[in-house]
Amino acid sequence: MTTLKNLLHDSNNGLDYTLVNDYYLPNLTAAAPAERNPTGRWGRLHKRYLKEQYPVRYNQLVLSGELGNYLAKLDRQVEEQLALIIRQMQDGAVR
């Protein structure tokens, strides 16, 4: 009876495999997000909109790990635009 190696490396695809029971499973890990950006109201609303209207784009952002940064950036832009509009309304520039 031959014993199987616990770890294997496949040079064709560059993946490492671990022996679990009688099967070799790939060692896969999710990429850690680069930054932890809090998502505010506008980011959450846009996330829901993407899920409902553009599920393919939503999945692309999730799988690439860019969703958090994308929503945080959008949230900051909306907050800045909202603050600008409020300032203009207070100054009487927008009627």
Protein backbone atom coordinates (compact mmCIF):
# COMPACT_ATOMS: atom_id res chain seq x y z
CA MET A 1 0.00 0.00 0.00
CA THR A 2 1.40 3.39 -0.97
CA THR A 3 1.09 6.46 1.18
CA LEU A 4 -0.02 9.70 -0.41
CA LYS A 5 1.77 12.99 0.10
CA ASN A 6 -0.08 15.47 2.31
CA LEU A 7 0.81 18.43 0.09
CA LEU A 8 1.12 18.66 -3.68
CA HIS A 9 1.99 21.50 -6.01
CA ASP A 10 0.66 21.54 -9.58
CA SER A 11 3.09 23.46 -11.78
CA ASN A 12 0.56 23.65 -14.62
CA ASN A 13 -1.88 25.88 -12.73
CA GLY A 14 0.33 27.01 -9.82
CA LEU A 15 -2.03 25.70 -7.13
CA ASP A 16 -1.13 23.80 -3.98
CA TYR A 17 -3.30 20.88 -2.85
CA THR A 18 -3.80 19.28 0.57
CA LEU A 19 -4.83 15.67 1.11
CA VAL A 20 -8.16 15.46 2.96
CA ASN A 21 -9.33 11.86 3.48
CA ASP A 22 -8.79 10.40 -0.01
CA TYR A 23 -9.10 13.62 -2.00
CA TYR A 24 -6.73 16.43 -2.83
CA LEU A 25 -8.40 19.79 -2.27
CA PRO A 26 -6.93 23.08 -3.51
CA ASN A 27 -5.61 25.50 -0.91
CA LEU A 28 -7.77 28.52 -1.69
CA THR A 29 -8.08 31.64 0.42
CA ALA A 30 -10.15 34.77 -0.01
CA ALA A 31 -8.16 37.91 -0.57
CA ALA A 32 -8.22 40.20 2.43
CA PRO A 33 -9.65 43.64 1.69
CA ALA A 34 -6.97 46.28 1.30
CA GLU A 35 -8.80 48.76 3.52
CA ARG A 36 -11.76 48.66 5.81
CA ASN A 37 -13.98 51.44 4.56
CA PRO A 38 -17.29 51.95 6.30
CA THR A 39 -20.21 52.08 3.89
CA GLY A 40 -22.82 54.67 4.69
CA ARG A 41 -26.43 55.06 3.65
CA TRP A 42 -25.73 55.85 0.00
CA GLY A 43 -23.31 52.96 -0.38
CA ARG A 44 -25.85 50.53 1.07
CA LEU A 45 -28.56 51.85 -1.25
CA HIS A 46 -26.27 51.50 -4.27
CA LYS A 47 -25.30 47.99 -3.20
CA ARG A 48 -28.96 46.98 -3.14
CA TYR A 49 -29.49 48.65 -6.52
CA LEU A 50 -26.53 46.73 -8.02
CA LYS A 51 -27.79 43.43 -6.60
CA GLU A 52 -31.27 43.93 -8.08
CA GLN A 53 -30.52 45.65 -11.39
CA TYR A 54 -26.97 44.60 -12.29
CA PRO A 55 -26.25 41.24 -10.63
CA VAL A 56 -23.35 40.44 -12.97
CA ARG A 57 -21.56 43.71 -12.15
CA TYR A 58 -22.28 43.16 -8.44
CA ASN A 59 -20.76 39.66 -8.58
CA GLN A 60 -17.71 40.95 -10.45
CA LEU A 61 -17.09 43.53 -7.74
CA VAL A 62 -17.61 40.98 -4.96
CA LEU A 63 -15.35 38.33 -6.50
CA SER A 64 -12.59 40.82 -7.29
CA GLY A 65 -12.70 42.19 -3.73
CA GLU A 66 -13.39 45.73 -4.96
CA LEU A 67 -16.98 46.11 -3.72
CA GLY A 68 -16.12 47.66 -0.34
CA ASN A 69 -13.77 50.28 -1.77
CA TYR A 70 -16.16 51.00 -4.66
CA LEU A 71 -19.11 51.59 -2.31
CA ALA A 72 -17.05 53.64 0.16
CA LYS A 73 -15.79 55.90 -2.66
CA LEU A 74 -19.32 56.33 -4.01
CA ASP A 75 -20.59 57.10 -0.51
CA ARG A 76 -17.93 59.80 -0.01
CA GLN A 77 -18.75 61.38 -3.39
CA VAL A 78 -22.47 61.50 -2.64
CA GLU A 79 -21.88 62.98 0.82
CA GLU A 80 -19.64 65.68 -0.67
CA GLN A 81 -22.20 66.48 -3.37
CA LEU A 82 -25.00 66.61 -0.79
CA ALA A 83 -22.97 68.94 1.43
CA LEU A 84 -22.29 71.21 -1.56
CA ILE A 85 -25.99 71.34 -2.49
CA ILE A 86 -26.99 72.15 1.10
CA ARG A 87 -24.36 74.95 1.28
CA GLN A 88 -25.60 76.38 -2.02
CA MET A 89 -29.20 76.29 -0.84
CA GLN A 90 -28.25 78.06 2.40
CA ASP A 91 -26.44 80.76 0.41
CA GLY A 92 -29.41 81.16 -1.90
CA ALA A 93 -27.44 80.20 -4.99
CA VAL A 94 -29.81 77.37 -5.96
CA ARG A 95 -33.44 78.30 -6.41
